[in-house]
Amino acid sequence: MSDSEQDYQVITANRLKDGLIVYMTKDGGMTGWTENIDYAHVAGADELEGLLATAQKDEARNIVVGIYPVEIAGNKVPLTARERIRASGPSIRMGDDAVPFNSSDFSI
């Protein structure tokens, strides 16, 4: 299989501390988790099984939950709409942006 035909993936999960979506990083022999897909480690098919085993150890240590690989295109863009939404953040306004502060249409 040539490089142009090879599938590339990143590993994603939810961090148990706050529920945020995270992606596995790798620097040498050290792995970790980041909220930004741009810093995710890209794995080919030959490396994926080992990274999933490492992620499962973090899941057993209650660092992350719900690990799985996400297939990506160039520039770390997920191939599915669901994963593109997860990577880009919430699709609705949250917090102070959810309700206008001085809106006459809103009362408590």
C-alpha atoms as a PDB file:
ATOM      1  CA  MET A   1       0.000   0.000   0.000  1.00  0.00           C
ATOM      2  CA  SER A   2       1.441   3.363  -0.969  1.00  0.00           C
ATOM      3  CA  ASP A   3       1.426   6.401   1.331  1.00  0.00           C
ATOM      4  CA  SER A   4      -1.332   7.981  -0.751  1.00  0.00           C
ATOM      5  CA  GLU A   5      -3.544   4.932  -0.121  1.00  0.00           C
ATOM      6  CA  GLN A   6      -2.719   4.525   3.578  1.00  0.00           C
ATOM      7  CA  ASP A   7      -5.293   5.414   6.202  1.00  0.00           C
ATOM      8  CA  TYR A   8      -4.165   7.897   8.833  1.00  0.00           C
ATOM      9  CA  GLN A   9      -5.884   8.223  12.171  1.00  0.00           C
ATOM     10  CA  VAL A  10      -5.729  10.083  15.458  1.00  0.00           C
ATOM     11  CA  ILE A  11      -6.974   8.705  18.763  1.00  0.00           C
ATOM     12  CA  THR A  12      -9.693  10.599  20.583  1.00  0.00           C
ATOM     13  CA  ALA A  13     -11.442  10.259  23.944  1.00  0.00           C
ATOM     14  CA  ASN A  14     -13.126  12.341  26.617  1.00  0.00           C
ATOM     15  CA  ARG A  15     -11.079  13.528  29.576  1.00  0.00           C
ATOM     16  CA  LEU A  16     -12.711  12.338  32.798  1.00  0.00           C
ATOM     17  CA  LYS A  17     -11.669  15.413  34.801  1.00  0.00           C
ATOM     18  CA  ASP A  18     -13.893  17.779  32.799  1.00  0.00           C
ATOM     19  CA  GLY A  19     -15.489  15.780  29.967  1.00  0.00           C
ATOM     20  CA  LEU A  20     -13.669  17.680  27.216  1.00  0.00           C
ATOM     21  CA  ILE A  21     -12.778  16.015  23.933  1.00  0.00           C
ATOM     22  CA  VAL A  22      -9.062  15.218  23.780  1.00  0.00           C
ATOM     23  CA  TYR A  23      -6.623  13.741  21.277  1.00  0.00           C
ATOM     24  CA  MET A  24      -3.571  11.588  21.957  1.00  0.00           C
ATOM     25  CA  THR A  25      -0.158  13.175  21.522  1.00  0.00           C
ATOM     26  CA  LYS A  26       3.207  11.483  21.230  1.00  0.00           C
ATOM     27  CA  ASP A  27       6.677  12.929  21.601  1.00  0.00           C
ATOM     28  CA  GLY A  28       9.334  10.279  21.418  1.00  0.00           C
ATOM     29  CA  GLY A  29       8.259   7.587  23.871  1.00  0.00           C
ATOM     30  CA  MET A  30       6.010   9.916  25.878  1.00  0.00           C
ATOM     31  CA  THR A  31       2.266  10.160  25.246  1.00  0.00           C
ATOM     32  CA  GLY A  32      -0.325  12.582  26.549  1.00  0.00           C
ATOM     33  CA  TRP A  33      -3.624  14.245  25.692  1.00  0.00           C
ATOM     34  CA  THR A  34      -4.464  17.595  24.091  1.00  0.00           C
ATOM     35  CA  GLU A  35      -7.722  19.458  23.434  1.00  0.00           C
ATOM     36  CA  ASN A  36      -6.439  20.624  20.036  1.00  0.00           C
ATOM     37  CA  ILE A  37      -6.522  18.136  17.148  1.00  0.00           C
ATOM     38  CA  ASP A  38      -3.663  20.065  15.501  1.00  0.00           C
ATOM     39  CA  TYR A  39      -1.320  18.635  18.159  1.00  0.00           C
ATOM     40  CA  ALA A  40      -2.637  15.058  17.881  1.00  0.00           C
ATOM     41  CA  HIS A  41      -0.246  12.313  16.876  1.00  0.00           C
ATOM     42  CA  VAL A  42      -1.075  10.931  13.424  1.00  0.00           C
ATOM     43  CA  ALA A  43      -0.790   7.159  13.252  1.00  0.00           C
ATOM     44  CA  GLY A  44      -0.587   4.860  10.289  1.00  0.00           C
ATOM     45  CA  ALA A  45      -2.115   1.387  10.367  1.00  0.00           C
ATOM     46  CA  ASP A  46       1.157  -0.141  11.600  1.00  0.00           C
ATOM     47  CA  GLU A  47       1.258   2.092  14.704  1.00  0.00           C
ATOM     48  CA  LEU A  48      -2.431   2.284  15.600  1.00  0.00           C
ATOM     49  CA  GLU A  49      -2.691  -0.915  17.654  1.00  0.00           C
ATOM     50  CA  GLY A  50       0.159   0.132  19.979  1.00  0.00           C
ATOM     51  CA  LEU A  51      -1.310   3.601  20.502  1.00  0.00           C
ATOM     52  CA  LEU A  52      -4.730   2.147  21.298  1.00  0.00           C
ATOM     53  CA  ALA A  53      -3.094  -0.123  23.897  1.00  0.00           C
ATOM     54  CA  THR A  54      -1.433   2.921  25.482  1.00  0.00           C
ATOM     55  CA  ALA A  55      -4.735   4.823  25.444  1.00  0.00           C
ATOM     56  CA  GLN A  56      -6.466   1.873  27.105  1.00  0.00           C
ATOM     57  CA  LYS A  57      -3.933   2.104  29.950  1.00  0.00           C
ATOM     58  CA  ASP A  58      -4.906   5.769  30.428  1.00  0.00           C
ATOM     59  CA  GLU A  59      -8.548   4.718  30.387  1.00  0.00           C
ATOM     60  CA  ALA A  60      -7.845   2.102  33.089  1.00  0.00           C
ATOM     61  CA  ARG A  61      -6.140   4.844  35.160  1.00  0.00           C
ATOM     62  CA  ASN A  62      -9.306   7.004  34.830  1.00  0.00           C
ATOM     63  CA  ILE A  63      -7.631   9.742  32.818  1.00  0.00           C
ATOM     64  CA  VAL A  64      -9.840   9.371  29.717  1.00  0.00           C
ATOM     65  CA  VAL A  65     -12.916   7.410  28.700  1.00  0.00           C
ATOM     66  CA  GLY A  66     -14.405   6.288  25.395  1.00  0.00           C
ATOM     67  CA  ILE A  67     -11.241   6.005  23.329  1.00  0.00           C
ATOM     68  CA  TYR A  68     -11.423   5.305  19.604  1.00  0.00           C
ATOM     69  CA  PRO A  69      -9.523   6.114  16.412  1.00  0.00           C
ATOM     70  CA  VAL A  70     -10.689   8.818  14.008  1.00  0.00           C
ATOM     71  CA  GLU A  71      -9.781   8.637  10.333  1.00  0.00           C
ATOM     72  CA  ILE A  72      -8.396  11.926   9.063  1.00  0.00           C
ATOM     73  CA  ALA A  73      -7.492  13.601   5.793  1.00  0.00           C
ATOM     74  CA  GLY A  74      -4.582  15.969   5.244  1.00  0.00           C
ATOM     75  CA  ASN A  75      -4.109  18.795   7.755  1.00  0.00           C
ATOM     76  CA  LYS A  76      -5.742  16.622  10.456  1.00  0.00           C
ATOM     77  CA  VAL A  77      -9.286  17.145   9.188  1.00  0.00           C
ATOM     78  CA  PRO A  78     -11.599  14.300  10.296  1.00  0.00           C
ATOM     79  CA  LEU A  79     -13.453  12.572   7.464  1.00  0.00           C
ATOM     80  CA  THR A  80     -16.864  12.402   9.141  1.00  0.00           C
ATOM     81  CA  ALA A  81     -19.131  15.328   9.957  1.00  0.00           C
ATOM     82  CA  ARG A  82     -19.495  14.123  13.555  1.00  0.00           C
ATOM     83  CA  GLU A  83     -15.760  14.208  14.153  1.00  0.00           C
ATOM     84  CA  ARG A  84     -15.326  17.569  12.394  1.00  0.00           C
ATOM     85  CA  ILE A  85     -17.913  19.015  14.808  1.00  0.00           C
ATOM     86  CA  ARG A  86     -16.172  17.406  17.806  1.00  0.00           C
ATOM     87  CA  ALA A  87     -12.810  18.798  16.656  1.00  0.00           C
ATOM     88  CA  SER A  88     -14.083  22.343  16.121  1.00  0.00           C
ATOM     89  CA  GLY A  89     -15.971  22.683  19.405  1.00  0.00           C
ATOM     90  CA  PRO A  90     -19.617  23.099  20.369  1.00  0.00           C
ATOM     91  CA  SER A  91     -22.055  23.955  17.598  1.00  0.00           C
ATOM     92  CA  ILE A  92     -24.229  26.045  19.938  1.00  0.00           C
ATOM     93  CA  ARG A  93     -23.454  29.132  21.966  1.00  0.00           C
ATOM     94  CA  MET A  94     -22.531  28.402  25.563  1.00  0.00           C
ATOM     95  CA  GLY A  95     -22.094  30.260  28.840  1.00  0.00           C
ATOM     96  CA  ASP A  96     -22.328  34.041  28.690  1.00  0.00           C
ATOM     97  CA  ASP A  97     -22.762  33.887  24.900  1.00  0.00           C
ATOM     98  CA  ALA A  98     -25.903  31.713  25.166  1.00  0.00           C
ATOM     99  CA  VAL A  99     -28.222  34.451  26.495  1.00  0.00           C
ATOM    100  CA  PRO A 100     -27.806  38.140  25.731  1.00  0.00           C
ATOM    101  CA  PHE A 101     -27.135  40.010  28.980  1.00  0.00           C
ATOM    102  CA  ASN A 102     -29.695  42.828  28.645  1.00  0.00           C
ATOM    103  CA  SER A 103     -32.303  41.082  26.564  1.00  0.00           C
ATOM    104  CA  SER A 104     -35.870  42.273  27.198  1.00  0.00           C
ATOM    105  CA  ASP A 105     -37.105  38.901  25.889  1.00  0.00           C
ATOM    106  CA  PHE A 106     -35.424  37.031  28.713  1.00  0.00           C
ATOM    107  CA  SER A 107     -36.327  37.065  32.381  1.00  0.00           C
ATOM    108  CA  ILE A 108     -35.729  34.802  35.348  1.00  0.00           C
END
